[in-house]
Structure formats: structure tokens, C-alpha cells
Amino acid sequence: MNSTLITEWFTKYKSELYRYAVNKTGNHDIAEDIVQEVYMAALENSKLHEIKQARAWLFGILKNKIYAYYQLQGRTVAIENE
């Protein structure tokens, strides 16, 4: 059930997540990798039934993944709230 729900959410929000990641990283390949990491992290969540706002939750994961990417690069980036 979790994978079905996540797939449904990703069908709905993937292009938004991808555009945001491209905007923040400036690189299409890195953005695609980060969005894929968001998908994998979402699949690992066992409490999906408790999530009330899927879009906000997915963007929260995305922002954390982008932040982690820049930390590994030794750089920082401004991640604003939507």
C-alpha cells in the first residue's frame, strides 16, 4: 500500500519537485538524482497514513536532500519556505 500511495503522490508532484530541485542546484542530472532520493526516502516512511499534506511533506524531504547535497559539496544554499 505504501508504494502505491507514494507512486500516486509522485505522479502528481514529481514535475514540481524536479523544477524546484533544478532551480536550486542548477543541474538537471543532480536534480533528478535528488528527486529520486526523495522517492526512496518517502518509501521508507511507515506512517504515511498520518501525512495530511503530501505536497508539503515531499517538499520538506526535498529541501532536506538539497541541503544535504550542498553540505557534502561544502557549500550552502538558501532554501526558502513556499
C-alpha atoms as a PDB file:
ATOM      1  CA  MET A   1       0.000   0.000   0.000  1.00  0.00           C
ATOM      2  CA  ASN A   2       2.784   2.467   0.856  1.00  0.00           C
ATOM      3  CA  SER A   3       4.407   2.157  -2.558  1.00  0.00           C
ATOM      4  CA  THR A   4       1.047   2.705  -4.277  1.00  0.00           C
ATOM      5  CA  LEU A   5       0.388   5.872  -2.282  1.00  0.00           C
ATOM      6  CA  ILE A   6       3.901   7.218  -2.858  1.00  0.00           C
ATOM      7  CA  THR A   7       3.650   6.454  -6.579  1.00  0.00           C
ATOM      8  CA  GLU A   8       0.341   8.319  -6.691  1.00  0.00           C
ATOM      9  CA  TRP A   9       1.868  11.333  -4.951  1.00  0.00           C
ATOM     10  CA  PHE A  10       4.896  11.285  -7.219  1.00  0.00           C
ATOM     11  CA  THR A  11       2.734  11.110 -10.316  1.00  0.00           C
ATOM     12  CA  LYS A  12       1.062  14.276  -9.073  1.00  0.00           C
ATOM     13  CA  TYR A  13       4.080  16.235  -7.744  1.00  0.00           C
ATOM     14  CA  LYS A  14       7.233  14.950  -9.447  1.00  0.00           C
ATOM     15  CA  SER A  15       7.471  17.723 -12.030  1.00  0.00           C
ATOM     16  CA  GLU A  16       7.099  20.398  -9.320  1.00  0.00           C
ATOM     17  CA  LEU A  17       9.739  18.711  -7.183  1.00  0.00           C
ATOM     18  CA  TYR A  18      12.057  18.391 -10.172  1.00  0.00           C
ATOM     19  CA  ARG A  19      11.669  22.054 -11.213  1.00  0.00           C
ATOM     20  CA  TYR A  20      12.413  23.183  -7.668  1.00  0.00           C
ATOM     21  CA  ALA A  21      15.486  20.938  -7.482  1.00  0.00           C
ATOM     22  CA  VAL A  22      16.774  22.208 -10.861  1.00  0.00           C
ATOM     23  CA  ASN A  23      16.249  25.769  -9.697  1.00  0.00           C
ATOM     24  CA  LYS A  24      18.226  25.142  -6.502  1.00  0.00           C
ATOM     25  CA  THR A  25      21.029  23.014  -7.970  1.00  0.00           C
ATOM     26  CA  GLY A  26      21.313  24.438 -11.479  1.00  0.00           C
ATOM     27  CA  ASN A  27      21.889  20.920 -12.783  1.00  0.00           C
ATOM     28  CA  HIS A  28      19.285  18.625 -14.348  1.00  0.00           C
ATOM     29  CA  ASP A  29      21.118  15.388 -13.556  1.00  0.00           C
ATOM     30  CA  ILE A  30      21.696  16.277  -9.917  1.00  0.00           C
ATOM     31  CA  ALA A  31      18.085  17.413  -9.605  1.00  0.00           C
ATOM     32  CA  GLU A  32      16.864  14.085 -10.995  1.00  0.00           C
ATOM     33  CA  ASP A  33      19.081  12.196  -8.529  1.00  0.00           C
ATOM     34  CA  ILE A  34      17.833  14.242  -5.592  1.00  0.00           C
ATOM     35  CA  VAL A  35      14.182  13.759  -6.567  1.00  0.00           C
ATOM     36  CA  GLN A  36      14.852  10.022  -6.785  1.00  0.00           C
ATOM     37  CA  GLU A  37      16.307  10.176  -3.260  1.00  0.00           C
ATOM     38  CA  VAL A  38      13.092  11.865  -2.115  1.00  0.00           C
ATOM     39  CA  TYR A  39      11.092   8.988  -3.595  1.00  0.00           C
ATOM     40  CA  MET A  40      13.264   6.419  -1.826  1.00  0.00           C
ATOM     41  CA  ALA A  41      13.041   8.279   1.491  1.00  0.00           C
ATOM     42  CA  ALA A  42       9.266   8.512   1.151  1.00  0.00           C
ATOM     43  CA  LEU A  43       9.038   4.769   0.539  1.00  0.00           C
ATOM     44  CA  GLU A  44      10.880   4.140   3.804  1.00  0.00           C
ATOM     45  CA  ASN A  45       8.285   6.024   5.849  1.00  0.00           C
ATOM     46  CA  SER A  46       5.996   3.630   7.690  1.00  0.00           C
ATOM     47  CA  LYS A  47       3.481   6.254   8.827  1.00  0.00           C
ATOM     48  CA  LEU A  48       2.168   7.522   5.502  1.00  0.00           C
ATOM     49  CA  HIS A  49      -1.403   7.282   6.731  1.00  0.00           C
ATOM     50  CA  GLU A  50      -0.617  10.121   9.167  1.00  0.00           C
ATOM     51  CA  ILE A  51       0.501  12.553   6.453  1.00  0.00           C
ATOM     52  CA  LYS A  52      -2.138  15.200   5.859  1.00  0.00           C
ATOM     53  CA  GLN A  53      -0.398  17.326   3.212  1.00  0.00           C
ATOM     54  CA  ALA A  54       1.572  15.147   0.820  1.00  0.00           C
ATOM     55  CA  ARG A  55       2.950  18.026  -1.258  1.00  0.00           C
ATOM     56  CA  ALA A  56       4.314  19.895   1.772  1.00  0.00           C
ATOM     57  CA  TRP A  57       5.758  16.678   3.200  1.00  0.00           C
ATOM     58  CA  LEU A  58       7.505  15.784  -0.071  1.00  0.00           C
ATOM     59  CA  PHE A  59       8.897  19.307  -0.431  1.00  0.00           C
ATOM     60  CA  GLY A  60      10.199  19.104   3.135  1.00  0.00           C
ATOM     61  CA  ILE A  61      12.110  15.952   2.238  1.00  0.00           C
ATOM     62  CA  LEU A  62      13.336  17.596  -0.974  1.00  0.00           C
ATOM     63  CA  LYS A  63      14.643  20.661   0.825  1.00  0.00           C
ATOM     64  CA  ASN A  64      16.499  18.470   3.312  1.00  0.00           C
ATOM     65  CA  LYS A  65      18.035  16.430   0.473  1.00  0.00           C
ATOM     66  CA  ILE A  66      19.160  19.593  -1.341  1.00  0.00           C
ATOM     67  CA  TYR A  67      20.635  20.940   1.888  1.00  0.00           C
ATOM     68  CA  ALA A  68      22.482  17.644   2.430  1.00  0.00           C
ATOM     69  CA  TYR A  69      23.778  17.756  -1.149  1.00  0.00           C
ATOM     70  CA  TYR A  70      25.249  21.217  -0.604  1.00  0.00           C
ATOM     71  CA  GLN A  71      26.725  20.204   2.740  1.00  0.00           C
ATOM     72  CA  LEU A  72      28.572  17.385   1.002  1.00  0.00           C
ATOM     73  CA  GLN A  73      29.822  19.898  -1.553  1.00  0.00           C
ATOM     74  CA  GLY A  74      30.996  22.222   1.212  1.00  0.00           C
ATOM     75  CA  ARG A  75      28.597  24.934   0.064  1.00  0.00           C
ATOM     76  CA  THR A  76      25.387  26.464   1.322  1.00  0.00           C
ATOM     77  CA  VAL A  77      22.181  27.426  -0.400  1.00  0.00           C
ATOM     78  CA  ALA A  78      19.168  29.442   0.699  1.00  0.00           C
ATOM     79  CA  ILE A  79      16.131  27.168   0.942  1.00  0.00           C
ATOM     80  CA  GLU A  80      13.100  29.380   1.343  1.00  0.00           C
ATOM     81  CA  ASN A  81       9.663  28.308   2.510  1.00  0.00           C
ATOM     82  CA  GLU A  82       6.936  28.154  -0.081  1.00  0.00           C
END
